[in-house]
PDB file of all heavy atoms in Angstrom:
ATOM      1  N   GLY A   1     -12.790   3.975  12.410  1.00  0.00           N
ATOM      2  CA  GLY A   1     -12.289   4.439  11.124  1.00  0.00           C
ATOM      3  C   GLY A   1     -11.187   5.468  11.251  1.00  0.00           C
ATOM      4  O   GLY A   1     -10.724   6.023  10.242  1.00  0.00           O
ATOM      5  N   LYS A   2     -10.716   5.730  12.470  1.00  0.00           N
ATOM      6  CA  LYS A   2      -9.692   6.741  12.685  1.00  0.00           C
ATOM      7  C   LYS A   2      -8.336   6.238  12.197  1.00  0.00           C
ATOM      8  O   LYS A   2      -7.925   5.117  12.485  1.00  0.00           O
ATOM      9  CB  LYS A   2      -9.606   7.096  14.166  1.00  0.00           C
ATOM     10  CG  LYS A   2      -8.576   8.172  14.479  1.00  0.00           C
ATOM     11  CD  LYS A   2      -8.539   8.495  15.971  1.00  0.00           C
ATOM     12  CE  LYS A   2      -7.475   9.546  16.276  1.00  0.00           C
ATOM     13  NZ  LYS A   2      -7.423   9.870  17.734  1.00  0.00           N
ATOM     14  N   ILE A   3      -7.634   7.109  11.456  1.00  0.00           N
ATOM     15  CA  ILE A   3      -6.288   6.807  10.981  1.00  0.00           C
ATOM     16  C   ILE A   3      -5.294   7.067  12.118  1.00  0.00           C
ATOM     17  O   ILE A   3      -5.267   8.150  12.692  1.00  0.00           O
ATOM     18  CB  ILE A   3      -5.954   7.653   9.746  1.00  0.00           C
ATOM     19  CG1 ILE A   3      -6.879   7.258   8.586  1.00  0.00           C
ATOM     20  CG2 ILE A   3      -4.501   7.484   9.342  1.00  0.00           C
ATOM     21  CD1 ILE A   3      -6.712   8.104   7.346  1.00  0.00           C
ATOM     22  N   LYS A   4      -4.464   6.066  12.450  1.00  0.00           N
ATOM     23  CA  LYS A   4      -3.598   6.148  13.619  1.00  0.00           C
ATOM     24  C   LYS A   4      -2.148   6.486  13.277  1.00  0.00           C
ATOM     25  O   LYS A   4      -1.363   6.814  14.165  1.00  0.00           O
ATOM     26  CB  LYS A   4      -3.667   4.838  14.406  1.00  0.00           C
ATOM     27  CG  LYS A   4      -5.089   4.466  14.828  1.00  0.00           C
ATOM     28  CD  LYS A   4      -5.154   3.168  15.608  1.00  0.00           C
ATOM     29  CE  LYS A   4      -4.651   3.341  17.024  1.00  0.00           C
ATOM     30  NZ  LYS A   4      -4.902   2.135  17.853  1.00  0.00           N
ATOM     31  N   THR A   5      -1.769   6.364  12.002  1.00  0.00           N
ATOM     32  CA  THR A   5      -0.433   6.780  11.564  1.00  0.00           C
ATOM     33  C   THR A   5      -0.565   7.486  10.225  1.00  0.00           C
ATOM     34  O   THR A   5      -1.521   7.258   9.480  1.00  0.00           O
ATOM     35  CB  THR A   5       0.518   5.572  11.405  1.00  0.00           C
ATOM     36  OG1 THR A   5      -0.027   4.668  10.432  1.00  0.00           O
ATOM     37  CG2 THR A   5       0.717   4.841  12.718  1.00  0.00           C
ATOM     38  N   GLU A   6       0.396   8.322   9.901  1.00  0.00           N
ATOM     39  CA  GLU A   6       0.372   9.014   8.614  1.00  0.00           C
ATOM     40  C   GLU A   6       0.497   8.003   7.474  1.00  0.00           C
ATOM     41  O   GLU A   6       1.332   7.083   7.543  1.00  0.00           O
ATOM     42  CB  GLU A   6       1.530  10.014   8.530  1.00  0.00           C
ATOM     43  CG  GLU A   6       1.303  11.294   9.308  1.00  0.00           C
ATOM     44  CD  GLU A   6       0.163  12.111   8.729  1.00  0.00           C
ATOM     45  OE1 GLU A   6       0.075  12.247   7.488  1.00  0.00           O
ATOM     46  OE2 GLU A   6      -0.658  12.602   9.535  1.00  0.00           O
ATOM     47  N   PRO A   7      -0.322   8.156   6.418  1.00  0.00           N
ATOM     48  CA  PRO A   7      -0.174   7.265   5.268  1.00  0.00           C
ATOM     49  C   PRO A   7       1.242   7.335   4.687  1.00  0.00           C
ATOM     50  O   PRO A   7       1.808   8.412   4.526  1.00  0.00           O
ATOM     51  CB  PRO A   7      -1.212   7.806   4.274  1.00  0.00           C
ATOM     52  CG  PRO A   7      -2.238   8.475   5.129  1.00  0.00           C
ATOM     53  CD  PRO A   7      -1.470   9.073   6.272  1.00  0.00           C
ATOM     54  N   LYS A   8       1.799   6.167   4.408  1.00  0.00           N
ATOM     55  CA  LYS A   8       3.153   6.079   3.860  1.00  0.00           C
ATOM     56  C   LYS A   8       3.110   5.280   2.556  1.00  0.00           C
ATOM     57  O   LYS A   8       2.506   4.214   2.492  1.00  0.00           O
ATOM     58  CB  LYS A   8       4.081   5.372   4.854  1.00  0.00           C
ATOM     59  CG  LYS A   8       5.510   5.185   4.325  1.00  0.00           C
ATOM     60  CD  LYS A   8       6.359   4.377   5.296  1.00  0.00           C
ATOM     61  CE  LYS A   8       7.759   4.156   4.730  1.00  0.00           C
ATOM     62  NZ  LYS A   8       8.594   3.321   5.625  1.00  0.00           N
ATOM     63  N   MET A   9       3.753   5.825   1.532  1.00  0.00           N
ATOM     64  CA  MET A   9       3.837   5.081   0.274  1.00  0.00           C
ATOM     65  C   MET A   9       4.918   4.013   0.396  1.00  0.00           C
ATOM     66  O   MET A   9       6.066   4.312   0.756  1.00  0.00           O
ATOM     67  CB  MET A   9       4.148   5.986  -0.910  1.00  0.00           C
ATOM     68  CG  MET A   9       3.874   5.299  -2.241  1.00  0.00           C
ATOM     69  SD  MET A   9       3.937   6.391  -3.663  1.00  0.00           S
ATOM     70  CE  MET A   9       5.643   6.247  -4.111  1.00  0.00           C
ATOM     71  N   ILE A  10       4.566   2.759   0.133  1.00  0.00           N
ATOM     72  CA  ILE A  10       5.498   1.654   0.360  1.00  0.00           C
ATOM     73  C   ILE A  10       5.957   0.968  -0.923  1.00  0.00           C
ATOM     74  O   ILE A  10       6.941   0.229  -0.895  1.00  0.00           O
ATOM     75  CB  ILE A  10       4.897   0.602   1.322  1.00  0.00           C
ATOM     76  CG1 ILE A  10       3.516   0.133   0.832  1.00  0.00           C
ATOM     77  CG2 ILE A  10       4.824   1.163   2.728  1.00  0.00           C
ATOM     78  CD1 ILE A  10       2.920  -0.988   1.666  1.00  0.00           C
ATOM     79  N   TRP A  11       5.252   1.188  -2.043  1.00  0.00           N
ATOM     80  CA  TRP A  11       5.707   0.576  -3.298  1.00  0.00           C
ATOM     81  C   TRP A  11       5.004   1.261  -4.458  1.00  0.00           C
ATOM     82  O   TRP A  11       3.801   1.545  -4.388  1.00  0.00           O
ATOM     83  CB  TRP A  11       5.416  -0.929  -3.299  1.00  0.00           C
ATOM     84  CG  TRP A  11       6.189  -1.705  -4.333  1.00  0.00           C
ATOM     85  CD1 TRP A  11       7.416  -1.393  -4.836  1.00  0.00           C
ATOM     86  CD2 TRP A  11       5.802  -2.918  -4.974  1.00  0.00           C
ATOM     87  NE1 TRP A  11       7.827  -2.340  -5.745  1.00  0.00           N
ATOM     88  CE2 TRP A  11       6.855  -3.280  -5.842  1.00  0.00           C
ATOM     89  CE3 TRP A  11       4.685  -3.739  -4.897  1.00  0.00           C
ATOM     90  CZ2 TRP A  11       6.807  -4.434  -6.634  1.00  0.00           C
ATOM     91  CZ3 TRP A  11       4.636  -4.883  -5.669  1.00  0.00           C
ATOM     92  CH2 TRP A  11       5.685  -5.242  -6.538  1.00  0.00           C
ATOM     93  N   SER A  12       5.769   1.515  -5.500  1.00  0.00           N
ATOM     94  CA  SER A  12       5.193   2.071  -6.731  1.00  0.00           C
ATOM     95  C   SER A  12       5.078   1.017  -7.815  1.00  0.00           C
ATOM     96  O   SER A  12       4.742   1.333  -8.965  1.00  0.00           O
ATOM     97  CB  SER A  12       6.046   3.243  -7.229  1.00  0.00           C
ATOM     98  OG  SER A  12       7.381   2.824  -7.475  1.00  0.00           O
ATOM     99  N   GLY A  13       5.339  -0.248  -7.440  1.00  0.00           N
ATOM    100  CA  GLY A  13       5.203  -1.331  -8.398  1.00  0.00           C
ATOM    101  C   GLY A  13       6.365  -1.423  -9.361  1.00  0.00           C
ATOM    102  O   GLY A  13       7.421  -0.800  -9.172  1.00  0.00           O
ATOM    103  N   THR A  14       6.171  -2.178 -10.425  1.00  0.00           N
ATOM    104  CA  THR A  14       7.216  -2.378 -11.431  1.00  0.00           C
ATOM    105  C   THR A  14       6.885  -1.708 -12.750  1.00  0.00           C
ATOM    106  O   THR A  14       7.706  -1.709 -13.667  1.00  0.00           O
ATOM    107  CB  THR A  14       7.430  -3.883 -11.692  1.00  0.00           C
ATOM    108  OG1 THR A  14       6.249  -4.432 -12.309  1.00  0.00           O
ATOM    109  CG2 THR A  14       7.703  -4.622 -10.403  1.00  0.00           C
ATOM    110  N   GLY A  15       5.675  -1.167 -12.861  1.00  0.00           N
ATOM    111  CA  GLY A  15       5.261  -0.554 -14.121  1.00  0.00           C
ATOM    112  C   GLY A  15       4.227   0.527 -13.865  1.00  0.00           C
ATOM    113  O   GLY A  15       4.319   1.287 -12.903  1.00  0.00           O
ATOM    114  N   ALA A  16       3.197   0.572 -14.707  1.00  0.00           N
ATOM    115  CA  ALA A  16       2.182   1.623 -14.625  1.00  0.00           C
ATOM    116  C   ALA A  16       0.998   1.185 -13.772  1.00  0.00           C
ATOM    117  O   ALA A  16       0.681   0.002 -13.664  1.00  0.00           O
ATOM    118  CB  ALA A  16       1.696   1.979 -16.034  1.00  0.00           C
ATOM    119  N   TYR A  17       0.347   2.161 -13.159  1.00  0.00           N
ATOM    120  CA  TYR A  17      -0.926   1.998 -12.459  1.00  0.00           C
ATOM    121  C   TYR A  17      -0.889   0.938 -11.353  1.00  0.00           C
ATOM    122  O   TYR A  17      -1.663  -0.024 -11.370  1.00  0.00           O
ATOM    123  CB  TYR A  17      -2.049   1.672 -13.449  1.00  0.00           C
ATOM    124  CG  TYR A  17      -2.099   2.582 -14.635  1.00  0.00           C
ATOM    125  CD1 TYR A  17      -1.905   2.092 -15.933  1.00  0.00           C
ATOM    126  CD2 TYR A  17      -2.324   3.946 -14.477  1.00  0.00           C
ATOM    127  CE1 TYR A  17      -1.941   2.923 -17.035  1.00  0.00           C
ATOM    128  CE2 TYR A  17      -2.365   4.795 -15.577  1.00  0.00           C
ATOM    129  CZ  TYR A  17      -2.169   4.278 -16.859  1.00  0.00           C
ATOM    130  OH  TYR A  17      -2.203   5.113 -17.941  1.00  0.00           O
ATOM    131  N   PRO A  18      -0.019   1.073 -10.374  1.00  0.00           N
ATOM    132  CA  PRO A  18      -0.064   0.140  -9.240  1.00  0.00           C
ATOM    133  C   PRO A  18      -1.355   0.319  -8.456  1.00  0.00           C
ATOM    134  O   PRO A  18      -1.745   1.441  -8.123  1.00  0.00           O
ATOM    135  CB  PRO A  18       1.156   0.547  -8.414  1.00  0.00           C
ATOM    136  CG  PRO A  18       1.383   1.991  -8.756  1.00  0.00           C
ATOM    137  CD  PRO A  18       0.997   2.126 -10.200  1.00  0.00           C
ATOM    138  N   GLU A  19      -2.038  -0.767  -8.156  1.00  0.00           N
ATOM    139  CA  GLU A  19      -3.332  -0.701  -7.466  1.00  0.00           C
ATOM    140  C   GLU A  19      -3.654  -2.054  -6.853  1.00  0.00           C
ATOM    141  O   GLU A  19      -2.869  -2.989  -6.918  1.00  0.00           O
ATOM    142  CB  GLU A  19      -4.441  -0.270  -8.445  1.00  0.00           C
ATOM    143  CG  GLU A  19      -4.585  -1.183  -9.644  1.00  0.00           C
ATOM    144  CD  GLU A  19      -5.537  -0.655 -10.696  1.00  0.00           C
ATOM    145  OE1 GLU A  19      -5.931   0.524 -10.616  1.00  0.00           O
ATOM    146  OE2 GLU A  19      -5.891  -1.419 -11.618  1.00  0.00           O
ATOM    147  N   ALA A  20      -4.824  -2.128  -6.223  1.00  0.00           N
ATOM    148  CA  ALA A  20      -5.346  -3.390  -5.675  1.00  0.00           C
ATOM    149  C   ALA A  20      -4.392  -4.077  -4.707  1.00  0.00           C
ATOM    150  O   ALA A  20      -4.115  -5.266  -4.835  1.00  0.00           O
ATOM    151  CB  ALA A  20      -5.731  -4.350  -6.811  1.00  0.00           C
ATOM    152  N   PRO A  21      -3.859  -3.365  -3.701  1.00  0.00           N
ATOM    153  CA  PRO A  21      -2.894  -4.002  -2.798  1.00  0.00           C
ATOM    154  C   PRO A  21      -3.550  -4.925  -1.782  1.00  0.00           C
ATOM    155  O   PRO A  21      -4.608  -4.636  -1.240  1.00  0.00           O
ATOM    156  CB  PRO A  21      -2.264  -2.799  -2.086  1.00  0.00           C
ATOM    157  CG  PRO A  21      -3.364  -1.773  -2.050  1.00  0.00           C
ATOM    158  CD  PRO A  21      -4.099  -1.946  -3.358  1.00  0.00           C
ATOM    159  N   HIS A  22      -2.903  -6.046  -1.533  1.00  0.00           N
ATOM    160  CA  HIS A  22      -3.258  -6.940  -0.427  1.00  0.00           C
ATOM    161  C   HIS A  22      -1.966  -7.348   0.279  1.00  0.00           C
ATOM    162  O   HIS A  22      -0.988  -7.699  -0.386  1.00  0.00           O
ATOM    163  CB  HIS A  22      -3.979  -8.199  -0.917  1.00  0.00           C
ATOM    164  CG  HIS A  22      -5.307  -7.940  -1.553  1.00  0.00           C
ATOM    165  ND1 HIS A  22      -6.310  -7.239  -0.933  1.00  0.00           N
ATOM    166  CD2 HIS A  22      -5.793  -8.315  -2.762  1.00  0.00           C
ATOM    167  CE1 HIS A  22      -7.369  -7.190  -1.724  1.00  0.00           C
ATOM    168  NE2 HIS A  22      -7.074  -7.827  -2.843  1.00  0.00           N
ATOM    169  N   ILE A  23      -1.986  -7.319   1.618  1.00  0.00           N
ATOM    170  CA  ILE A  23      -0.824  -7.735   2.403  1.00  0.00           C
ATOM    171  C   ILE A  23      -1.138  -9.054   3.110  1.00  0.00           C
ATOM    172  O   ILE A  23      -2.232  -9.244   3.645  1.00  0.00           O
ATOM    173  CB  ILE A  23      -0.423  -6.654   3.426  1.00  0.00           C
ATOM    174  CG1 ILE A  23       0.214  -5.463   2.707  1.00  0.00           C
ATOM    175  CG2 ILE A  23       0.544  -7.209   4.469  1.00  0.00           C
ATOM    176  CD1 ILE A  23       0.672  -4.353   3.630  1.00  0.00           C
ATOM    177  N   TYR A  24      -0.151  -9.960   3.114  1.00  0.00           N
ATOM    178  CA  TYR A  24      -0.255 -11.244   3.800  1.00  0.00           C
ATOM    179  C   TYR A  24       1.032 -11.447   4.609  1.00  0.00           C
ATOM    180  O   TYR A  24       2.118 -11.071   4.162  1.00  0.00           O
ATOM    181  CB  TYR A  24      -0.392 -12.403   2.801  1.00  0.00           C
ATOM    182  CG  TYR A  24      -1.327 -12.134   1.656  1.00  0.00           C
ATOM    183  CD1 TYR A  24      -0.848 -11.554   0.477  1.00  0.00           C
ATOM    184  CD2 TYR A  24      -2.683 -12.437   1.731  1.00  0.00           C
ATOM    185  CE1 TYR A  24      -1.700 -11.301  -0.589  1.00  0.00           C
ATOM    186  CE2 TYR A  24      -3.539 -12.187   0.670  1.00  0.00           C
ATOM    187  CZ  TYR A  24      -3.038 -11.613  -0.483  1.00  0.00           C
ATOM    188  OH  TYR A  24      -3.878 -11.350  -1.533  1.00  0.00           O
ATOM    189  N   LYS A  25       0.911 -12.062   5.767  1.00  0.00           N
ATOM    190  CA  LYS A  25       2.088 -12.416   6.549  1.00  0.00           C
ATOM    191  C   LYS A  25       2.285 -13.919   6.447  1.00  0.00           C
ATOM    192  O   LYS A  25       1.440 -14.706   6.889  1.00  0.00           O
ATOM    193  CB  LYS A  25       1.934 -11.984   8.010  1.00  0.00           C
ATOM    194  CG  LYS A  25       3.239 -12.044   8.800  1.00  0.00           C
ATOM    195  CD  LYS A  25       3.077 -11.423  10.181  1.00  0.00           C
ATOM    196  CE  LYS A  25       4.405 -11.307  10.913  1.00  0.00           C
ATOM    197  NZ  LYS A  25       4.238 -10.692  12.257  1.00  0.00           N
ATOM    198  N   ILE A  26       3.398 -14.313   5.846  1.00  0.00           N
ATOM    199  CA  ILE A  26       3.662 -15.723   5.568  1.00  0.00           C
ATOM    200  C   ILE A  26       5.091 -16.030   6.013  1.00  0.00           C
ATOM    201  O   ILE A  26       6.049 -15.390   5.544  1.00  0.00           O
ATOM    202  CB  ILE A  26       3.479 -16.038   4.064  1.00  0.00           C
ATOM    203  CG1 ILE A  26       2.052 -15.652   3.609  1.00  0.00           C
ATOM    204  CG2 ILE A  26       3.757 -17.512   3.791  1.00  0.00           C
ATOM    205  CD1 ILE A  26       1.858 -15.678   2.112  1.00  0.00           C
TER     206      ILE A  26
END
């Protein structure tokens, strides 16, 4: 459970309340 890099904000979305992120490599 150890964090290996500093948390970085990568997107604030297009509107209000960005949440529920999932990343996929396609």
